[in-house]
Amino acid sequence: MEPKFEKDVKYRLTREVDACVVDGQNCVLQNDIDLNAETVLTFVEANEDGFVFSNEEGTNYRLHADDIDAVEEA
C-alpha cells in the first residue's frame, strides 16, 4: 500500500534518512545527504521516482522508498 501525503502539509522525520537533492526530476548531487530525525519537511509531490519534500529554505529532497516509513505528520 502506497503512503498518502497531502501537498503543502508539513511532516517530520522520526529517524535519520538518506535523501537525494533534486532539481525538477533529477538528483543534483552525486551522493545522498543525511537528513536528521526531527527535520520538518513539506510534501511537494509523488512521482514515478519517489516522494519529494521541501525544507523551509526551498531545497527539494526525494526520499527513498525504504525511508518513507520514517515520515509522520508534524
PDB file of N, CA and C in Angstrom:
ATOM      1  N   MET A   1       0.839  -1.184   0.000  1.00  0.00           N
ATOM      2  CA  MET A   1       0.000   0.000   0.000  1.00  0.00           C
ATOM      3  C   MET A   1       0.886   1.250   0.000  1.00  0.00           C
ATOM      4  N   GLU A   2       0.629   2.150  -0.899  1.00  0.00           N
ATOM      5  CA  GLU A   2       1.415   3.372  -1.028  1.00  0.00           C
ATOM      6  C   GLU A   2       0.975   4.397   0.019  1.00  0.00           C
ATOM      7  N   PRO A   3       1.932   5.035   0.685  1.00  0.00           N
ATOM      8  CA  PRO A   3       1.569   6.044   1.688  1.00  0.00           C
ATOM      9  C   PRO A   3       0.872   7.237   1.048  1.00  0.00           C
ATOM     10  N   LYS A   4       0.050   7.900   1.822  1.00  0.00           N
ATOM     11  CA  LYS A   4      -0.676   9.078   1.343  1.00  0.00           C
ATOM     12  C   LYS A   4      -0.140  10.311   2.052  1.00  0.00           C
ATOM     13  N   PHE A   5       0.272  11.282   1.276  1.00  0.00           N
ATOM     14  CA  PHE A   5       0.728  12.554   1.810  1.00  0.00           C
ATOM     15  C   PHE A   5      -0.082  13.656   1.156  1.00  0.00           C
ATOM     16  N   GLU A   6      -0.324  14.743   1.899  1.00  0.00           N
ATOM     17  CA  GLU A   6      -1.077  15.871   1.371  1.00  0.00           C
ATOM     18  C   GLU A   6      -0.124  16.992   0.983  1.00  0.00           C
ATOM     19  N   LYS A   7      -0.333  17.538  -0.211  1.00  0.00           N
ATOM     20  CA  LYS A   7       0.509  18.623  -0.721  1.00  0.00           C
ATOM     21  C   LYS A   7       0.474  19.808   0.244  1.00  0.00           C
ATOM     22  N   ASP A   8       1.643  20.401   0.454  1.00  0.00           N
ATOM     23  CA  ASP A   8       1.837  21.584   1.294  1.00  0.00           C
ATOM     24  C   ASP A   8       1.636  21.335   2.790  1.00  0.00           C
ATOM     25  N   VAL A   9       1.523  20.073   3.199  1.00  0.00           N
ATOM     26  CA  VAL A   9       1.418  19.730   4.624  1.00  0.00           C
ATOM     27  C   VAL A   9       2.815  19.424   5.143  1.00  0.00           C
ATOM     28  N   LYS A  10       3.083  19.854   6.383  1.00  0.00           N
ATOM     29  CA  LYS A  10       4.394  19.620   6.991  1.00  0.00           C
ATOM     30  C   LYS A  10       4.440  18.247   7.649  1.00  0.00           C
ATOM     31  N   TYR A  11       5.585  17.598   7.458  1.00  0.00           N
ATOM     32  CA  TYR A  11       5.839  16.279   8.021  1.00  0.00           C
ATOM     33  C   TYR A  11       7.178  16.306   8.752  1.00  0.00           C
ATOM     34  N   ARG A  12       7.345  15.394   9.699  1.00  0.00           N
ATOM     35  CA  ARG A  12       8.563  15.297  10.493  1.00  0.00           C
ATOM     36  C   ARG A  12       9.185  13.929  10.285  1.00  0.00           C
ATOM     37  N   LEU A  13      10.517  13.900  10.251  1.00  0.00           N
ATOM     38  CA  LEU A  13      11.231  12.626  10.164  1.00  0.00           C
ATOM     39  C   LEU A  13      11.389  12.046  11.564  1.00  0.00           C
ATOM     40  N   THR A  14      11.136  10.763  11.699  1.00  0.00           N
ATOM     41  CA  THR A  14      11.245  10.106  13.002  1.00  0.00           C
ATOM     42  C   THR A  14      12.615   9.485  13.226  1.00  0.00           C
ATOM     43  N   ARG A  15      13.423   9.439  12.180  1.00  0.00           N
ATOM     44  CA  ARG A  15      14.792   8.921  12.285  1.00  0.00           C
ATOM     45  C   ARG A  15      15.611   9.533  11.155  1.00  0.00           C
ATOM     46  N   GLU A  16      16.928   9.366  11.228  1.00  0.00           N
ATOM     47  CA  GLU A  16      17.799   9.868  10.162  1.00  0.00           C
ATOM     48  C   GLU A  16      17.539   9.083   8.880  1.00  0.00           C
ATOM     49  N   VAL A  17      17.502   9.792   7.757  1.00  0.00           N
ATOM     50  CA  VAL A  17      17.306   9.146   6.457  1.00  0.00           C
ATOM     51  C   VAL A  17      18.298   9.720   5.448  1.00  0.00           C
ATOM     52  N   ASP A  18      18.562   8.957   4.397  1.00  0.00           N
ATOM     53  CA  ASP A  18      19.346   9.430   3.260  1.00  0.00           C
ATOM     54  C   ASP A  18      18.369   9.966   2.222  1.00  0.00           C
ATOM     55  N   ALA A  19      18.711  11.092   1.617  1.00  0.00           N
ATOM     56  CA  ALA A  19      17.832  11.689   0.616  1.00  0.00           C
ATOM     57  C   ALA A  19      18.654  12.242  -0.537  1.00  0.00           C
ATOM     58  N   CYS A  20      18.010  12.298  -1.674  1.00  0.00           N
ATOM     59  CA  CYS A  20      18.607  12.841  -2.891  1.00  0.00           C
ATOM     60  C   CYS A  20      18.118  14.282  -3.049  1.00  0.00           C
ATOM     61  N   VAL A  21      19.033  15.227  -3.231  1.00  0.00           N
ATOM     62  CA  VAL A  21      18.650  16.611  -3.512  1.00  0.00           C
ATOM     63  C   VAL A  21      18.226  16.665  -4.977  1.00  0.00           C
ATOM     64  N   VAL A  22      17.021  17.177  -5.233  1.00  0.00           N
ATOM     65  CA  VAL A  22      16.502  17.177  -6.599  1.00  0.00           C
ATOM     66  C   VAL A  22      16.231  18.586  -7.102  1.00  0.00           C
ATOM     67  N   ASP A  23      16.389  18.730  -8.412  1.00  0.00           N
ATOM     68  CA  ASP A  23      16.031  19.935  -9.139  1.00  0.00           C
ATOM     69  C   ASP A  23      15.155  19.448 -10.280  1.00  0.00           C
ATOM     70  N   GLY A  24      13.865  19.669 -10.157  1.00  0.00           N
ATOM     71  CA  GLY A  24      12.942  19.051 -11.110  1.00  0.00           C
ATOM     72  C   GLY A  24      12.830  17.576 -10.780  1.00  0.00           C
ATOM     73  N   GLN A  25      13.192  16.716 -11.718  1.00  0.00           N
ATOM     74  CA  GLN A  25      13.120  15.271 -11.511  1.00  0.00           C
ATOM     75  C   GLN A  25      14.475  14.643 -11.210  1.00  0.00           C
ATOM     76  N   ASN A  26      15.562  15.392 -11.380  1.00  0.00           N
ATOM     77  CA  ASN A  26      16.896  14.806 -11.326  1.00  0.00           C
ATOM     78  C   ASN A  26      17.638  15.112 -10.038  1.00  0.00           C
ATOM     79  N   CYS A  27      18.399  14.125  -9.564  1.00  0.00           N
ATOM     80  CA  CYS A  27      19.300  14.343  -8.436  1.00  0.00           C
ATOM     81  C   CYS A  27      20.415  15.272  -8.901  1.00  0.00           C
ATOM     82  N   VAL A  28      20.757  16.259  -8.080  1.00  0.00           N
ATOM     83  CA  VAL A  28      21.774  17.223  -8.488  1.00  0.00           C
ATOM     84  C   VAL A  28      23.112  17.006  -7.782  1.00  0.00           C
ATOM     85  N   LEU A  29      23.142  16.165  -6.772  1.00  0.00           N
ATOM     86  CA  LEU A  29      24.386  15.829  -6.095  1.00  0.00           C
ATOM     87  C   LEU A  29      24.716  14.375  -6.366  1.00  0.00           C
ATOM     88  N   GLN A  30      25.988  14.074  -6.451  1.00  0.00           N
ATOM     89  CA  GLN A  30      26.399  12.701  -6.731  1.00  0.00           C
ATOM     90  C   GLN A  30      26.033  11.755  -5.591  1.00  0.00           C
ATOM     91  N   ASN A  31      26.152  12.240  -4.354  1.00  0.00           N
ATOM     92  CA  ASN A  31      25.870  11.401  -3.192  1.00  0.00           C
ATOM     93  C   ASN A  31      24.633  11.892  -2.462  1.00  0.00           C
ATOM     94  N   ASP A  32      23.944  10.962  -1.807  1.00  0.00           N
ATOM     95  CA  ASP A  32      22.813  11.328  -0.961  1.00  0.00           C
ATOM     96  C   ASP A  32      23.323  12.115   0.240  1.00  0.00           C
ATOM     97  N   ILE A  33      22.420  12.871   0.854  1.00  0.00           N
ATOM     98  CA  ILE A  33      22.764  13.566   2.088  1.00  0.00           C
ATOM     99  C   ILE A  33      21.933  12.980   3.217  1.00  0.00           C
ATOM    100  N   ASP A  34      22.401  13.161   4.438  1.00  0.00           N
ATOM    101  CA  ASP A  34      21.673  12.689   5.613  1.00  0.00           C
ATOM    102  C   ASP A  34      20.744  13.790   6.098  1.00  0.00           C
ATOM    103  N   LEU A  35      19.488  13.431   6.322  1.00  0.00           N
ATOM    104  CA  LEU A  35      18.542  14.328   6.971  1.00  0.00           C
ATOM    105  C   LEU A  35      18.319  13.783   8.376  1.00  0.00           C
ATOM    106  N   ASN A  36      18.426  14.634   9.369  1.00  0.00           N
ATOM    107  CA  ASN A  36      18.328  14.211  10.763  1.00  0.00           C
ATOM    108  C   ASN A  36      16.897  13.951  11.198  1.00  0.00           C
ATOM    109  N   ALA A  37      16.764  13.114  12.225  1.00  0.00           N
ATOM    110  CA  ALA A  37      15.467  12.920  12.869  1.00  0.00           C
ATOM    111  C   ALA A  37      14.971  14.282  13.344  1.00  0.00           C
ATOM    112  N   GLU A  38      13.678  14.469  13.342  1.00  0.00           N
ATOM    113  CA  GLU A  38      13.007  15.709  13.741  1.00  0.00           C
ATOM    114  C   GLU A  38      13.066  16.801  12.675  1.00  0.00           C
ATOM    115  N   THR A  39      13.699  16.538  11.524  1.00  0.00           N
ATOM    116  CA  THR A  39      13.679  17.504  10.424  1.00  0.00           C
ATOM    117  C   THR A  39      12.243  17.653   9.939  1.00  0.00           C
ATOM    118  N   VAL A  40      11.800  18.887   9.754  1.00  0.00           N
ATOM    119  CA  VAL A  40      10.446  19.149   9.260  1.00  0.00           C
ATOM    120  C   VAL A  40      10.533  19.475   7.773  1.00  0.00           C
ATOM    121  N   LEU A  41       9.732  18.757   6.993  1.00  0.00           N
ATOM    122  CA  LEU A  41       9.689  18.920   5.541  1.00  0.00           C
ATOM    123  C   LEU A  41       8.247  19.078   5.093  1.00  0.00           C
ATOM    124  N   THR A  42       8.046  19.783   4.000  1.00  0.00           N
ATOM    125  CA  THR A  42       6.718  19.967   3.420  1.00  0.00           C
ATOM    126  C   THR A  42       6.599  19.087   2.185  1.00  0.00           C
ATOM    127  N   PHE A  43       5.489  18.353   2.089  1.00  0.00           N
ATOM    128  CA  PHE A  43       5.292  17.471   0.941  1.00  0.00           C
ATOM    129  C   PHE A  43       5.052  18.298  -0.316  1.00  0.00           C
ATOM    130  N   VAL A  44       5.768  17.929  -1.395  1.00  0.00           N
ATOM    131  CA  VAL A  44       5.655  18.617  -2.682  1.00  0.00           C
ATOM    132  C   VAL A  44       4.869  17.769  -3.674  1.00  0.00           C
ATOM    133  N   GLU A  45       5.349  16.541  -3.928  1.00  0.00           N
ATOM    134  CA  GLU A  45       4.691  15.686  -4.917  1.00  0.00           C
ATOM    135  C   GLU A  45       5.193  14.255  -4.814  1.00  0.00           C
ATOM    136  N   ALA A  46       4.392  13.367  -5.384  1.00  0.00           N
ATOM    137  CA  ALA A  46       4.812  11.981  -5.599  1.00  0.00           C
ATOM    138  C   ALA A  46       4.928  11.808  -7.104  1.00  0.00           C
ATOM    139  N   ASN A  47       5.993  11.135  -7.528  1.00  0.00           N
ATOM    140  CA  ASN A  47       6.147  10.854  -8.951  1.00  0.00           C
ATOM    141  C   ASN A  47       6.702   9.446  -9.107  1.00  0.00           C
ATOM    142  N   GLU A  48       7.021   9.072 -10.332  1.00  0.00           N
ATOM    143  CA  GLU A  48       7.472   7.698 -10.580  1.00  0.00           C
ATOM    144  C   GLU A  48       8.800   7.387  -9.891  1.00  0.00           C
ATOM    145  N   ASP A  49       9.538   8.427  -9.491  1.00  0.00           N
ATOM    146  CA  ASP A  49      10.830   8.217  -8.839  1.00  0.00           C
ATOM    147  C   ASP A  49      10.752   8.199  -7.320  1.00  0.00           C
ATOM    148  N   GLY A  50       9.650   8.658  -6.757  1.00  0.00           N
ATOM    149  CA  GLY A  50       9.530   8.661  -5.302  1.00  0.00           C
ATOM    150  C   GLY A  50       8.722   9.832  -4.787  1.00  0.00           C
ATOM    151  N   PHE A  51       8.990  10.190  -3.538  1.00  0.00           N
ATOM    152  CA  PHE A  51       8.255  11.241  -2.847  1.00  0.00           C
ATOM    153  C   PHE A  51       9.177  12.435  -2.628  1.00  0.00           C
ATOM    154  N   VAL A  52       8.723  13.612  -3.061  1.00  0.00           N
ATOM    155  CA  VAL A  52       9.541  14.817  -2.971  1.00  0.00           C
ATOM    156  C   VAL A  52       9.002  15.705  -1.850  1.00  0.00           C
ATOM    157  N   PHE A  53       9.924  16.129  -0.984  1.00  0.00           N
ATOM    158  CA  PHE A  53       9.619  17.021   0.125  1.00  0.00           C
ATOM    159  C   PHE A  53      10.554  18.222   0.038  1.00  0.00           C
ATOM    160  N   SER A  54      10.160  19.334   0.656  1.00  0.00           N
ATOM    161  CA  SER A  54      10.956  20.556   0.630  1.00  0.00           C
ATOM    162  C   SER A  54      11.199  21.042   2.052  1.00  0.00           C
ATOM    163  N   ASN A  55      12.388  21.621   2.298  1.00  0.00           N
ATOM    164  CA  ASN A  55      12.631  22.218   3.607  1.00  0.00           C
ATOM    165  C   ASN A  55      12.227  23.691   3.570  1.00  0.00           C
ATOM    166  N   GLU A  56      12.399  24.390   4.695  1.00  0.00           N
ATOM    167  CA  GLU A  56      11.974  25.791   4.785  1.00  0.00           C
ATOM    168  C   GLU A  56      12.738  26.702   3.832  1.00  0.00           C
ATOM    169  N   GLU A  57      13.954  26.308   3.464  1.00  0.00           N
ATOM    170  CA  GLU A  57      14.757  27.116   2.551  1.00  0.00           C
ATOM    171  C   GLU A  57      14.402  26.873   1.087  1.00  0.00           C
ATOM    172  N   GLY A  58      13.532  25.897   0.819  1.00  0.00           N
ATOM    173  CA  GLY A  58      13.111  25.618  -0.544  1.00  0.00           C
ATOM    174  C   GLY A  58      13.897  24.534  -1.261  1.00  0.00           C
ATOM    175  N   THR A  59      14.794  23.857  -0.543  1.00  0.00           N
ATOM    176  CA  THR A  59      15.534  22.747  -1.142  1.00  0.00           C
ATOM    177  C   THR A  59      14.632  21.524  -1.209  1.00  0.00           C
ATOM    178  N   ASN A  60      14.574  20.887  -2.372  1.00  0.00           N
ATOM    179  CA  ASN A  60      13.749  19.692  -2.545  1.00  0.00           C
ATOM    180  C   ASN A  60      14.578  18.434  -2.353  1.00  0.00           C
ATOM    181  N   TYR A  61      13.986  17.475  -1.662  1.00  0.00           N
ATOM    182  CA  TYR A  61      14.624  16.188  -1.398  1.00  0.00           C
ATOM    183  C   TYR A  61      13.695  15.069  -1.828  1.00  0.00           C
ATOM    184  N   ARG A  62      14.254  14.047  -2.477  1.00  0.00           N
ATOM    185  CA  ARG A  62      13.480  12.843  -2.795  1.00  0.00           C
ATOM    186  C   ARG A  62      13.914  11.769  -1.815  1.00  0.00           C
ATOM    187  N   LEU A  63      12.950  11.257  -1.074  1.00  0.00           N
ATOM    188  CA  LEU A  63      13.233  10.202  -0.111  1.00  0.00           C
ATOM    189  C   LEU A  63      13.157   8.850  -0.786  1.00  0.00           C
ATOM    190  N   HIS A  64      13.998   7.951  -0.343  1.00  0.00           N
ATOM    191  CA  HIS A  64      13.993   6.585  -0.854  1.00  0.00           C
ATOM    192  C   HIS A  64      12.777   5.838  -0.306  1.00  0.00           C
ATOM    193  N   ALA A  65      12.271   4.906  -1.071  1.00  0.00           N
ATOM    194  CA  ALA A  65      11.062   4.171  -0.693  1.00  0.00           C
ATOM    195  C   ALA A  65      11.185   3.517   0.677  1.00  0.00           C
ATOM    196  N   ASP A  66      12.375   3.015   1.012  1.00  0.00           N
ATOM    197  CA  ASP A  66      12.522   2.336   2.305  1.00  0.00           C
ATOM    198  C   ASP A  66      12.618   3.308   3.479  1.00  0.00           C
ATOM    199  N   ASP A  67      12.605   4.615   3.214  1.00  0.00           N
ATOM    200  CA  ASP A  67      12.627   5.605   4.292  1.00  0.00           C
ATOM    201  C   ASP A  67      11.281   6.294   4.502  1.00  0.00           C
ATOM    202  N   ILE A  68      10.309   6.004   3.671  1.00  0.00           N
ATOM    203  CA  ILE A  68       9.012   6.668   3.777  1.00  0.00           C
ATOM    204  C   ILE A  68       8.331   6.368   5.111  1.00  0.00           C
ATOM    205  N   ASP A  69       8.629   5.204   5.698  1.00  0.00           N
ATOM    206  CA  ASP A  69       8.029   4.874   6.996  1.00  0.00           C
ATOM    207  C   ASP A  69       8.555   5.773   8.118  1.00  0.00           C
ATOM    208  N   ALA A  70       9.585   6.571   7.858  1.00  0.00           N
ATOM    209  CA  ALA A  70      10.145   7.486   8.856  1.00  0.00           C
ATOM    210  C   ALA A  70       9.494   8.868   8.794  1.00  0.00           C
ATOM    211  N   VAL A  71       8.424   9.013   8.019  1.00  0.00           N
ATOM    212  CA  VAL A  71       7.760  10.302   7.849  1.00  0.00           C
ATOM    213  C   VAL A  71       6.411  10.265   8.556  1.00  0.00           C
ATOM    214  N   GLU A  72       6.183  11.276   9.420  1.00  0.00           N
ATOM    215  CA  GLU A  72       4.885  11.397  10.090  1.00  0.00           C
ATOM    216  C   GLU A  72       4.443  12.851  10.037  1.00  0.00           C
ATOM    217  N   GLU A  73       3.146  13.075  10.156  1.00  0.00           N
ATOM    218  CA  GLU A  73       2.649  14.445  10.108  1.00  0.00           C
ATOM    219  C   GLU A  73       3.188  15.225  11.301  1.00  0.00           C
ATOM    220  N   ALA A  74       3.625  16.454  11.046  1.00  0.00           N
ATOM    221  CA  ALA A  74       4.229  17.291  12.105  1.00  0.00           C
ATOM    222  C   ALA A  74       3.161  17.875  13.013  1.00  0.00           C
TER     223      ALA A  74
END
